[in-house]
Amino acid sequence: MGRNTKHELYTAFLSLLEEMPYSAISITDIVETCNVHRNTFYYHFRDKNDMILQLLRDETQSLLKDQKSFDSIAETVQHALAFLRNHEVSFRRLYAGLDIEILDKYLYDILFHQFTLFFHNRSEGKMLQASDIHTLANTATLLVEGSLFHFFQTEEDFLGSLDRFFEEIDHLIEPAVSFVLDRIDARYRASVNGHASLL
């Protein structure tokens, strides 16, 4: 079976990013780390930024294929952020050295996907519309993403902060989720019952 040089280049880049800032990593460093020719890099990528975009896009696509849903907010967020958690130092260095919009799109896409599955699962048996699920998933995504960027900016112990966030998120958000789902369901049921009584 042939080498998966694209994956090897990703791995080499992430290992280098654990050791040095993004701006200090050269294409020569990357190809020498995984022992491939420089042309191999340019076969897959235009430059370092293109490599990062493709890496994050490939990780996003991998997650989007996964239709696994979880019962709790914490499990949902942990699943969405597994790649980030496994490469915490790399993500902090990317945050410091990249256009923030690149990470913003990646985080938004993976979190929104997982929250959409979560709210779809939690709304079973309730009278919620697709627009309600979209709004709830978007709100939860922005809340978690904002917390992550806050951690990136302020916390030395990012993993510790992330772990505490996972521990606390069910206590912080779960009661609100149940309340909001019940209220939306009750609103629709009252509307349906009101129309039925007029018939």
N, C-alpha and C. Protein backbone atom coordinates (compact mmCIF):
# COMPACT_ATOMS: atom_id res chain seq x y z
N MET A 1 0.85 -1.19 0.00
CA MET A 1 0.00 0.00 0.00
C MET A 1 0.89 1.25 0.00
N GLY A 2 0.55 2.25 -0.83
CA GLY A 2 1.37 3.44 -0.95
C GLY A 2 1.28 4.34 0.28
N ARG A 3 2.26 5.21 0.38
CA ARG A 3 2.30 6.15 1.50
C ARG A 3 1.20 7.19 1.34
N ASN A 4 0.63 7.58 2.47
CA ASN A 4 -0.32 8.68 2.48
C ASN A 4 0.48 9.94 2.83
N THR A 5 1.12 10.49 1.80
CA THR A 5 2.06 11.60 2.05
C THR A 5 1.34 12.85 2.55
N LYS A 6 0.11 13.04 2.14
CA LYS A 6 -0.63 14.22 2.62
C LYS A 6 -0.81 14.12 4.13
N HIS A 7 -1.22 12.96 4.60
CA HIS A 7 -1.38 12.76 6.04
C HIS A 7 -0.04 12.88 6.75
N GLU A 8 1.02 12.36 6.16
CA GLU A 8 2.35 12.47 6.77
C GLU A 8 2.78 13.92 6.89
N LEU A 9 2.46 14.72 5.89
CA LEU A 9 2.80 16.15 5.95
C LEU A 9 2.00 16.85 7.04
N TYR A 10 0.73 16.49 7.18
CA TYR A 10 -0.08 17.04 8.27
C TYR A 10 0.57 16.70 9.62
N THR A 11 0.92 15.44 9.80
CA THR A 11 1.50 14.98 11.07
C THR A 11 2.80 15.69 11.36
N ALA A 12 3.65 15.84 10.33
CA ALA A 12 4.93 16.53 10.50
C ALA A 12 4.70 17.99 10.90
N PHE A 13 3.77 18.63 10.24
CA PHE A 13 3.47 20.03 10.54
C PHE A 13 2.99 20.20 11.98
N LEU A 14 2.06 19.34 12.40
CA LEU A 14 1.52 19.44 13.76
C LEU A 14 2.59 19.16 14.81
N SER A 15 3.50 18.21 14.52
CA SER A 15 4.57 17.93 15.49
C SER A 15 5.53 19.11 15.58
N LEU A 16 5.81 19.76 14.47
CA LEU A 16 6.67 20.95 14.49
C LEU A 16 6.00 22.09 15.24
N LEU A 17 4.70 22.20 15.05
CA LEU A 17 3.95 23.27 15.70
C LEU A 17 3.91 23.09 17.22
N GLU A 18 4.11 21.86 17.67
CA GLU A 18 4.21 21.62 19.12
C GLU A 18 5.50 22.22 19.68
N GLU A 19 6.50 22.40 18.81
CA GLU A 19 7.83 22.81 19.25
C GLU A 19 8.18 24.27 18.97
N MET A 20 7.52 24.86 17.98
CA MET A 20 7.90 26.23 17.58
C MET A 20 6.70 27.00 17.05
N PRO A 21 6.81 28.33 17.02
CA PRO A 21 5.69 29.14 16.50
C PRO A 21 5.43 28.87 15.02
N TYR A 22 4.22 29.14 14.60
CA TYR A 22 3.83 28.93 13.19
C TYR A 22 4.77 29.66 12.24
N SER A 23 5.09 30.91 12.56
CA SER A 23 5.91 31.73 11.67
C SER A 23 7.33 31.18 11.50
N ALA A 24 7.80 30.38 12.45
CA ALA A 24 9.17 29.85 12.39
C ALA A 24 9.27 28.56 11.58
N ILE A 25 8.13 27.96 11.24
CA ILE A 25 8.14 26.68 10.51
C ILE A 25 8.23 26.94 9.01
N SER A 26 9.22 26.33 8.38
CA SER A 26 9.37 26.46 6.93
C SER A 26 8.89 25.19 6.23
N ILE A 27 8.65 25.31 4.95
CA ILE A 27 8.27 24.13 4.17
C ILE A 27 9.40 23.11 4.19
N THR A 28 10.64 23.58 4.19
CA THR A 28 11.79 22.68 4.29
C THR A 28 11.73 21.88 5.58
N ASP A 29 11.39 22.55 6.69
CA ASP A 29 11.25 21.84 7.98
C ASP A 29 10.21 20.71 7.86
N ILE A 30 9.10 21.02 7.22
CA ILE A 30 8.00 20.05 7.12
C ILE A 30 8.40 18.83 6.30
N VAL A 31 8.99 19.08 5.11
CA VAL A 31 9.32 17.94 4.23
C VAL A 31 10.48 17.12 4.80
N GLU A 32 11.42 17.78 5.47
CA GLU A 32 12.53 17.04 6.07
C GLU A 32 12.05 16.19 7.26
N THR A 33 11.08 16.69 8.00
CA THR A 33 10.56 15.95 9.15
C THR A 33 9.91 14.63 8.72
N CYS A 34 9.20 14.65 7.59
CA CYS A 34 8.55 13.40 7.16
C CYS A 34 9.28 12.73 6.00
N ASN A 35 10.47 13.25 5.66
CA ASN A 35 11.34 12.60 4.68
C ASN A 35 10.67 12.42 3.31
N VAL A 36 10.11 13.53 2.83
CA VAL A 36 9.57 13.53 1.46
C VAL A 36 10.21 14.68 0.69
N HIS A 37 10.10 14.61 -0.63
CA HIS A 37 10.67 15.65 -1.48
C HIS A 37 9.82 16.91 -1.41
N ARG A 38 10.45 18.05 -1.61
CA ARG A 38 9.74 19.33 -1.57
C ARG A 38 8.59 19.37 -2.59
N ASN A 39 8.80 18.73 -3.75
CA ASN A 39 7.74 18.70 -4.77
C ASN A 39 6.48 18.00 -4.26
N THR A 40 6.66 17.05 -3.33
CA THR A 40 5.51 16.34 -2.76
C THR A 40 4.62 17.32 -2.01
N PHE A 41 5.26 18.24 -1.29
CA PHE A 41 4.48 19.26 -0.57
C PHE A 41 3.64 20.06 -1.57
N TYR A 42 4.30 20.52 -2.67
CA TYR A 42 3.60 21.36 -3.63
C TYR A 42 2.61 20.59 -4.50
N TYR A 43 2.72 19.28 -4.50
CA TYR A 43 1.71 18.46 -5.17
C TYR A 43 0.38 18.57 -4.42
N HIS A 44 0.46 18.64 -3.09
CA HIS A 44 -0.74 18.69 -2.25
C HIS A 44 -1.19 20.11 -1.91
N PHE A 45 -0.23 21.02 -1.70
CA PHE A 45 -0.56 22.34 -1.15
C PHE A 45 0.17 23.45 -1.91
N ARG A 46 -0.46 24.63 -1.94
CA ARG A 46 0.18 25.80 -2.55
C ARG A 46 1.24 26.38 -1.62
N ASP A 47 0.90 26.45 -0.33
CA ASP A 47 1.80 27.03 0.67
C ASP A 47 1.34 26.56 2.05
N LYS A 48 1.95 27.11 3.10
CA LYS A 48 1.60 26.69 4.47
C LYS A 48 0.15 27.01 4.82
N ASN A 49 -0.30 28.18 4.42
CA ASN A 49 -1.69 28.55 4.72
C ASN A 49 -2.68 27.60 4.06
N ASP A 50 -2.37 27.21 2.82
CA ASP A 50 -3.23 26.27 2.11
C ASP A 50 -3.23 24.92 2.83
N MET A 51 -2.08 24.54 3.35
CA MET A 51 -1.98 23.28 4.10
C MET A 51 -2.90 23.32 5.32
N ILE A 52 -2.89 24.41 6.05
CA ILE A 52 -3.73 24.53 7.25
C ILE A 52 -5.21 24.51 6.86
N LEU A 53 -5.55 25.24 5.81
CA LEU A 53 -6.95 25.26 5.36
C LEU A 53 -7.42 23.86 4.99
N GLN A 54 -6.57 23.10 4.28
CA GLN A 54 -6.94 21.75 3.89
C GLN A 54 -7.01 20.81 5.10
N LEU A 55 -6.06 20.98 6.03
CA LEU A 55 -6.07 20.16 7.25
C LEU A 55 -7.37 20.36 8.01
N LEU A 56 -7.74 21.60 8.24
CA LEU A 56 -8.96 21.89 8.99
C LEU A 56 -10.20 21.48 8.21
N ARG A 57 -10.16 21.65 6.89
CA ARG A 57 -11.30 21.22 6.07
C ARG A 57 -11.45 19.69 6.10
N ASP A 58 -10.33 18.97 6.02
CA ASP A 58 -10.39 17.50 6.08
C ASP A 58 -10.91 17.03 7.43
N GLU A 59 -10.47 17.68 8.51
CA GLU A 59 -10.96 17.31 9.85
C GLU A 59 -12.45 17.63 9.98
N THR A 60 -12.86 18.75 9.40
CA THR A 60 -14.28 19.11 9.44
C THR A 60 -15.11 18.08 8.67
N GLN A 61 -14.65 17.73 7.46
CA GLN A 61 -15.40 16.76 6.66
C GLN A 61 -15.49 15.41 7.35
N SER A 62 -14.43 15.02 8.03
CA SER A 62 -14.43 13.76 8.77
C SER A 62 -15.50 13.79 9.86
N LEU A 63 -15.60 14.91 10.56
CA LEU A 63 -16.59 15.04 11.62
C LEU A 63 -18.01 15.11 11.04
N LEU A 64 -18.17 15.80 9.92
CA LEU A 64 -19.50 15.96 9.33
C LEU A 64 -20.05 14.62 8.84
N LYS A 65 -19.17 13.70 8.46
CA LYS A 65 -19.62 12.37 8.06
C LYS A 65 -20.13 11.57 9.26
N ASP A 66 -19.65 11.94 10.42
CA ASP A 66 -20.01 11.26 11.65
C ASP A 66 -21.35 11.81 12.15
N GLN A 67 -22.37 11.01 12.13
CA GLN A 67 -23.70 11.47 12.54
C GLN A 67 -24.00 11.08 13.99
N LYS A 68 -22.96 10.90 14.79
CA LYS A 68 -23.14 10.48 16.18
C LYS A 68 -23.68 11.64 17.01
N SER A 69 -24.74 11.35 17.74
CA SER A 69 -25.34 12.35 18.62
C SER A 69 -25.18 11.91 20.07
N PHE A 70 -25.13 12.89 20.97
CA PHE A 70 -24.91 12.61 22.39
C PHE A 70 -26.05 13.17 23.22
N ASP A 71 -26.19 12.64 24.43
CA ASP A 71 -27.30 13.03 25.29
C ASP A 71 -27.04 14.30 26.08
N SER A 72 -25.77 14.64 26.25
CA SER A 72 -25.46 15.83 27.06
C SER A 72 -24.68 16.85 26.24
N ILE A 73 -24.78 18.10 26.68
CA ILE A 73 -24.03 19.18 26.05
C ILE A 73 -22.52 18.91 26.16
N ALA A 74 -22.07 18.49 27.34
CA ALA A 74 -20.64 18.26 27.56
C ALA A 74 -20.09 17.22 26.60
N GLU A 75 -20.80 16.10 26.45
CA GLU A 75 -20.34 15.05 25.52
C GLU A 75 -20.33 15.57 24.08
N THR A 76 -21.33 16.37 23.74
CA THR A 76 -21.42 16.95 22.40
C THR A 76 -20.20 17.82 22.11
N VAL A 77 -19.87 18.70 23.05
CA VAL A 77 -18.73 19.61 22.87
C VAL A 77 -17.42 18.83 22.88
N GLN A 78 -17.27 17.87 23.77
CA GLN A 78 -16.05 17.07 23.83
C GLN A 78 -15.80 16.35 22.51
N HIS A 79 -16.86 15.80 21.93
CA HIS A 79 -16.71 15.10 20.65
C HIS A 79 -16.28 16.06 19.55
N ALA A 80 -16.93 17.22 19.50
CA ALA A 80 -16.61 18.20 18.46
C ALA A 80 -15.18 18.71 18.57
N LEU A 81 -14.69 18.82 19.81
CA LEU A 81 -13.38 19.43 20.03
C LEU A 81 -12.26 18.42 20.27
N ALA A 82 -12.49 17.16 19.95
CA ALA A 82 -11.48 16.13 20.22
C ALA A 82 -10.17 16.42 19.50
N PHE A 83 -10.23 16.84 18.24
CA PHE A 83 -9.01 17.12 17.48
C PHE A 83 -8.26 18.30 18.09
N LEU A 84 -8.99 19.34 18.45
CA LEU A 84 -8.38 20.51 19.09
C LEU A 84 -7.71 20.10 20.40
N ARG A 85 -8.41 19.29 21.19
CA ARG A 85 -7.87 18.89 22.49
C ARG A 85 -6.60 18.07 22.34
N ASN A 86 -6.55 17.22 21.31
CA ASN A 86 -5.37 16.39 21.08
C ASN A 86 -4.17 17.19 20.56
N HIS A 87 -4.45 18.39 20.05
CA HIS A 87 -3.38 19.24 19.49
C HIS A 87 -3.48 20.65 20.07
N GLU A 88 -3.64 20.71 21.38
CA GLU A 88 -3.90 21.98 22.07
C GLU A 88 -2.80 23.02 21.83
N VAL A 89 -1.54 22.61 21.95
CA VAL A 89 -0.43 23.56 21.75
C VAL A 89 -0.43 24.06 20.32
N SER A 90 -0.66 23.16 19.37
CA SER A 90 -0.69 23.56 17.96
C SER A 90 -1.78 24.58 17.70
N PHE A 91 -2.95 24.36 18.27
CA PHE A 91 -4.06 25.30 18.05
C PHE A 91 -3.77 26.65 18.69
N ARG A 92 -3.13 26.64 19.84
CA ARG A 92 -2.78 27.93 20.46
C ARG A 92 -1.80 28.70 19.59
N ARG A 93 -0.86 27.98 19.00
CA ARG A 93 0.13 28.64 18.13
C ARG A 93 -0.51 29.09 16.81
N LEU A 94 -1.46 28.31 16.31
CA LEU A 94 -2.19 28.75 15.11
C LEU A 94 -3.01 29.99 15.43
N TYR A 95 -3.63 30.01 16.60
CA TYR A 95 -4.41 31.17 17.02
C TYR A 95 -3.54 32.43 17.05
N ALA A 96 -2.30 32.26 17.53
CA ALA A 96 -1.40 33.41 17.64
C ALA A 96 -0.84 33.84 16.28
N GLY A 97 -0.76 32.91 15.31
CA GLY A 97 -0.07 33.23 14.07
C GLY A 97 -0.90 33.26 12.81
N LEU A 98 -2.20 33.01 12.94
CA LEU A 98 -3.06 32.91 11.75
C LEU A 98 -4.15 33.97 11.75
N ASP A 99 -4.75 34.16 10.58
CA ASP A 99 -5.97 34.96 10.49
C ASP A 99 -7.04 34.25 11.31
N ILE A 100 -7.63 34.95 12.24
CA ILE A 100 -8.59 34.36 13.18
C ILE A 100 -9.80 33.77 12.45
N GLU A 101 -10.11 34.28 11.25
CA GLU A 101 -11.28 33.78 10.52
C GLU A 101 -11.13 32.32 10.13
N ILE A 102 -9.89 31.85 9.93
CA ILE A 102 -9.65 30.45 9.55
C ILE A 102 -10.09 29.52 10.69
N LEU A 103 -9.63 29.83 11.91
CA LEU A 103 -10.03 29.02 13.06
C LEU A 103 -11.50 29.22 13.40
N ASP A 104 -11.99 30.43 13.22
CA ASP A 104 -13.39 30.72 13.50
C ASP A 104 -14.31 29.84 12.65
N LYS A 105 -14.01 29.74 11.36
CA LYS A 105 -14.84 28.93 10.47
C LYS A 105 -14.77 27.46 10.86
N TYR A 106 -13.56 26.97 11.16
CA TYR A 106 -13.41 25.56 11.56
C TYR A 106 -14.23 25.26 12.81
N LEU A 107 -14.05 26.08 13.85
CA LEU A 107 -14.75 25.84 15.11
C LEU A 107 -16.25 25.98 14.94
N TYR A 108 -16.68 26.99 14.20
CA TYR A 108 -18.12 27.17 14.00
C TYR A 108 -18.72 25.95 13.31
N ASP A 109 -18.08 25.50 12.23
CA ASP A 109 -18.64 24.39 11.44
C ASP A 109 -18.77 23.11 12.26
N ILE A 110 -17.72 22.76 13.02
CA ILE A 110 -17.78 21.49 13.77
C ILE A 110 -18.76 21.59 14.94
N LEU A 111 -18.76 22.72 15.63
CA LEU A 111 -19.67 22.87 16.76
C LEU A 111 -21.13 22.94 16.30
N PHE A 112 -21.37 23.70 15.24
CA PHE A 112 -22.74 23.82 14.73
C PHE A 112 -23.28 22.46 14.29
N HIS A 113 -22.45 21.68 13.62
CA HIS A 113 -22.86 20.33 13.19
C HIS A 113 -23.27 19.49 14.40
N GLN A 114 -22.41 19.45 15.42
CA GLN A 114 -22.70 18.61 16.59
C GLN A 114 -23.91 19.12 17.37
N PHE A 115 -24.04 20.43 17.50
CA PHE A 115 -25.20 20.97 18.22
C PHE A 115 -26.50 20.75 17.45
N THR A 116 -26.44 20.78 16.12
CA THR A 116 -27.64 20.50 15.33
C THR A 116 -28.11 19.07 15.59
N LEU A 117 -27.16 18.12 15.59
CA LEU A 117 -27.51 16.72 15.91
C LEU A 117 -28.06 16.61 17.32
N PHE A 118 -27.41 17.32 18.25
CA PHE A 118 -27.83 17.26 19.66
C PHE A 118 -29.26 17.77 19.83
N PHE A 119 -29.56 18.94 19.28
CA PHE A 119 -30.89 19.52 19.46
C PHE A 119 -31.95 18.75 18.67
N HIS A 120 -31.56 18.19 17.55
CA HIS A 120 -32.51 17.35 16.80
C HIS A 120 -32.87 16.13 17.64
N ASN A 121 -31.87 15.52 18.26
CA ASN A 121 -32.09 14.35 19.12
C ASN A 121 -32.93 14.71 20.34
N ARG A 122 -32.60 15.84 20.97
CA ARG A 122 -33.30 16.24 22.20
C ARG A 122 -34.73 16.72 21.94
N SER A 123 -35.03 17.09 20.71
CA SER A 123 -36.37 17.61 20.41
C SER A 123 -37.33 16.52 19.95
N GLU A 124 -36.86 15.27 19.95
CA GLU A 124 -37.75 14.16 19.57
C GLU A 124 -38.98 14.15 20.46
N GLY A 125 -40.16 14.07 19.84
CA GLY A 125 -41.40 14.06 20.59
C GLY A 125 -41.91 15.45 20.92
N LYS A 126 -41.12 16.47 20.57
CA LYS A 126 -41.53 17.85 20.82
C LYS A 126 -41.88 18.52 19.49
N MET A 127 -42.66 19.56 19.56
CA MET A 127 -43.12 20.24 18.35
C MET A 127 -42.16 21.38 17.97
N LEU A 128 -40.93 21.00 17.64
CA LEU A 128 -39.97 22.01 17.21
C LEU A 128 -39.81 21.96 15.69
N GLN A 129 -39.58 23.12 15.12
CA GLN A 129 -39.36 23.21 13.68
C GLN A 129 -37.86 23.27 13.40
N ALA A 130 -37.51 23.06 12.14
CA ALA A 130 -36.09 23.09 11.73
C ALA A 130 -35.46 24.44 12.07
N SER A 131 -36.24 25.51 11.93
CA SER A 131 -35.70 26.85 12.22
C SER A 131 -35.38 27.00 13.71
N ASP A 132 -36.17 26.36 14.57
CA ASP A 132 -35.89 26.40 16.01
C ASP A 132 -34.58 25.69 16.33
N ILE A 133 -34.40 24.50 15.73
CA ILE A 133 -33.17 23.74 15.95
C ILE A 133 -31.96 24.52 15.45
N HIS A 134 -32.12 25.16 14.29
CA HIS A 134 -31.03 25.97 13.73
C HIS A 134 -30.66 27.11 14.68
N THR A 135 -31.67 27.80 15.22
CA THR A 135 -31.42 28.91 16.13
C THR A 135 -30.74 28.45 17.41
N LEU A 136 -31.23 27.35 17.97
CA LEU A 136 -30.63 26.81 19.20
C LEU A 136 -29.19 26.36 18.96
N ALA A 137 -28.95 25.66 17.85
CA ALA A 137 -27.59 25.19 17.53
C ALA A 137 -26.65 26.37 17.31
N ASN A 138 -27.13 27.40 16.64
CA ASN A 138 -26.31 28.58 16.39
C ASN A 138 -25.97 29.29 17.69
N THR A 139 -26.95 29.44 18.58
CA THR A 139 -26.72 30.11 19.87
C THR A 139 -25.71 29.35 20.71
N ALA A 140 -25.87 28.03 20.80
CA ALA A 140 -24.94 27.20 21.59
C ALA A 140 -23.54 27.24 20.99
N THR A 141 -23.46 27.21 19.66
CA THR A 141 -22.16 27.26 18.98
C THR A 141 -21.42 28.55 19.30
N LEU A 142 -22.11 29.67 19.21
CA LEU A 142 -21.47 30.96 19.47
C LEU A 142 -21.04 31.08 20.93
N LEU A 143 -21.83 30.55 21.84
CA LEU A 143 -21.48 30.58 23.26
C LEU A 143 -20.20 29.80 23.52
N VAL A 144 -20.13 28.57 23.00
CA VAL A 144 -18.95 27.73 23.23
C VAL A 144 -17.74 28.30 22.49
N GLU A 145 -17.94 28.73 21.26
CA GLU A 145 -16.81 29.27 20.49
C GLU A 145 -16.25 30.52 21.16
N GLY A 146 -17.13 31.38 21.66
CA GLY A 146 -16.66 32.58 22.37
C GLY A 146 -15.85 32.21 23.60
N SER A 147 -16.28 31.19 24.33
CA SER A 147 -15.53 30.73 25.50
C SER A 147 -14.16 30.21 25.11
N LEU A 148 -14.10 29.48 23.99
CA LEU A 148 -12.81 28.93 23.53
C LEU A 148 -11.83 30.05 23.18
N PHE A 149 -12.30 31.05 22.45
CA PHE A 149 -11.41 32.15 22.09
C PHE A 149 -10.97 32.92 23.33
N HIS A 150 -11.84 33.00 24.32
CA HIS A 150 -11.46 33.63 25.59
C HIS A 150 -10.34 32.82 26.25
N PHE A 151 -10.47 31.50 26.24
CA PHE A 151 -9.41 30.65 26.82
C PHE A 151 -8.10 30.81 26.06
N PHE A 152 -8.18 30.85 24.73
CA PHE A 152 -6.98 31.01 23.92
C PHE A 152 -6.23 32.29 24.31
N GLN A 153 -6.98 33.34 24.57
CA GLN A 153 -6.39 34.64 24.84
C GLN A 153 -5.86 34.78 26.26
N THR A 154 -6.52 34.14 27.22
CA THR A 154 -6.24 34.47 28.61
C THR A 154 -5.66 33.36 29.45
N GLU A 155 -5.84 32.11 29.05
CA GLU A 155 -5.48 31.01 29.94
C GLU A 155 -4.16 30.36 29.56
N GLU A 156 -3.22 30.31 30.50
CA GLU A 156 -2.01 29.53 30.30
C GLU A 156 -2.34 28.04 30.31
N ASP A 157 -3.19 27.66 31.24
CA ASP A 157 -3.59 26.27 31.39
C ASP A 157 -4.85 26.03 30.57
N PHE A 158 -4.68 26.04 29.23
CA PHE A 158 -5.85 25.93 28.36
C PHE A 158 -6.57 24.60 28.55
N LEU A 159 -5.81 23.49 28.62
CA LEU A 159 -6.45 22.19 28.78
C LEU A 159 -7.20 22.10 30.11
N GLY A 160 -6.59 22.63 31.17
CA GLY A 160 -7.27 22.65 32.46
C GLY A 160 -8.56 23.44 32.37
N SER A 161 -8.50 24.59 31.69
CA SER A 161 -9.69 25.42 31.52
C SER A 161 -10.74 24.69 30.69
N LEU A 162 -10.29 23.98 29.66
CA LEU A 162 -11.20 23.25 28.81
C LEU A 162 -11.87 22.11 29.58
N ASP A 163 -11.07 21.40 30.38
CA ASP A 163 -11.64 20.32 31.21
C ASP A 163 -12.66 20.86 32.20
N ARG A 164 -12.34 21.99 32.84
CA ARG A 164 -13.30 22.59 33.78
C ARG A 164 -14.56 23.04 33.04
N PHE A 165 -14.36 23.54 31.83
CA PHE A 165 -15.49 23.98 31.01
C PHE A 165 -16.40 22.80 30.70
N PHE A 166 -15.79 21.66 30.32
CA PHE A 166 -16.57 20.46 30.05
C PHE A 166 -17.35 20.02 31.29
N GLU A 167 -16.69 20.12 32.45
CA GLU A 167 -17.33 19.70 33.69
C GLU A 167 -18.50 20.61 34.06
N GLU A 168 -18.32 21.91 33.79
CA GLU A 168 -19.32 22.89 34.22
C GLU A 168 -20.44 23.11 33.20
N ILE A 169 -20.16 22.75 31.95
CA ILE A 169 -21.09 23.16 30.89
C ILE A 169 -22.47 22.55 31.07
N ASP A 170 -22.53 21.29 31.54
CA ASP A 170 -23.84 20.68 31.77
C ASP A 170 -24.61 21.44 32.84
N HIS A 171 -23.90 21.86 33.90
CA HIS A 171 -24.56 22.60 34.98
C HIS A 171 -24.99 24.00 34.52
N LEU A 172 -24.17 24.59 33.63
CA LEU A 172 -24.45 25.95 33.19
C LEU A 172 -25.55 26.00 32.13
N ILE A 173 -25.50 25.06 31.19
CA ILE A 173 -26.35 25.17 30.01
C ILE A 173 -27.51 24.17 30.01
N GLU A 174 -27.28 22.97 30.54
CA GLU A 174 -28.29 21.91 30.45
C GLU A 174 -29.66 22.32 30.99
N PRO A 175 -29.75 22.96 32.17
CA PRO A 175 -31.08 23.38 32.64
C PRO A 175 -31.76 24.35 31.68
N ALA A 176 -30.96 25.24 31.09
CA ALA A 176 -31.53 26.20 30.14
C ALA A 176 -32.02 25.50 28.88
N VAL A 177 -31.27 24.47 28.43
CA VAL A 177 -31.68 23.71 27.24
C VAL A 177 -33.04 23.07 27.47
N SER A 178 -33.18 22.36 28.59
CA SER A 178 -34.46 21.70 28.89
C SER A 178 -35.59 22.71 28.98
N PHE A 179 -35.34 23.83 29.64
CA PHE A 179 -36.36 24.87 29.81
C PHE A 179 -36.79 25.43 28.45
N VAL A 180 -35.81 25.76 27.61
CA VAL A 180 -36.12 26.37 26.31
C VAL A 180 -36.87 25.39 25.42
N LEU A 181 -36.41 24.13 25.38
CA LEU A 181 -37.10 23.14 24.55
C LEU A 181 -38.55 22.96 25.00
N ASP A 182 -38.77 22.91 26.31
CA ASP A 182 -40.13 22.76 26.84
C ASP A 182 -40.99 23.97 26.51
N ARG A 183 -40.40 25.17 26.60
CA ARG A 183 -41.16 26.39 26.32
C ARG A 183 -41.55 26.48 24.84
N ILE A 184 -40.61 26.14 23.95
CA ILE A 184 -40.93 26.18 22.52
C ILE A 184 -42.02 25.16 22.20
N ASP A 185 -41.86 23.96 22.76
CA ASP A 185 -42.86 22.91 22.55
C ASP A 185 -44.24 23.37 23.05
N ALA A 186 -44.27 23.94 24.25
CA ALA A 186 -45.54 24.40 24.83
C ALA A 186 -46.17 25.50 23.97
N ARG A 187 -45.35 26.39 23.44
CA ARG A 187 -45.85 27.47 22.59
C ARG A 187 -46.53 26.91 21.34
N TYR A 188 -45.87 25.94 20.69
CA TYR A 188 -46.46 25.35 19.49
C TYR A 188 -47.73 24.57 19.81
N ARG A 189 -47.71 23.84 20.93
CA ARG A 189 -48.88 23.04 21.29
C ARG A 189 -50.07 23.96 21.63
N ALA A 190 -49.78 25.08 22.30
CA ALA A 190 -50.86 26.03 22.61
C ALA A 190 -51.41 26.63 21.33
N SER A 191 -50.51 26.90 20.38
CA SER A 191 -50.95 27.47 19.11
C SER A 191 -51.83 26.47 18.34
N VAL A 192 -51.39 25.20 18.32
CA VAL A 192 -52.17 24.16 17.63
C VAL A 192 -53.51 23.95 18.31
N ASN A 193 -53.50 23.89 19.64
CA ASN A 193 -54.76 23.70 20.40
C ASN A 193 -55.70 24.87 20.21
N GLY A 194 -55.14 26.07 20.15
CA GLY A 194 -55.96 27.27 19.93
C GLY A 194 -56.64 27.23 18.58
N HIS A 195 -55.88 26.82 17.56
CA HIS A 195 -56.48 26.72 16.21
C HIS A 195 -57.53 25.61 16.18
N ALA A 196 -57.25 24.49 16.86
CA ALA A 196 -58.18 23.37 16.86
C ALA A 196 -59.50 23.77 17.51
N SER A 197 -59.43 24.60 18.55
CA SER A 197 -60.66 24.98 19.27
C SER A 197 -61.51 25.93 18.43
N LEU A 198 -60.87 26.57 17.44
CA LEU A 198 -61.63 27.47 16.58
C LEU A 198 -62.35 26.74 15.47
N LEU A 199 -61.94 25.47 15.23
CA LEU A 199 -62.54 24.70 14.13
C LEU A 199 -63.89 24.11 14.53
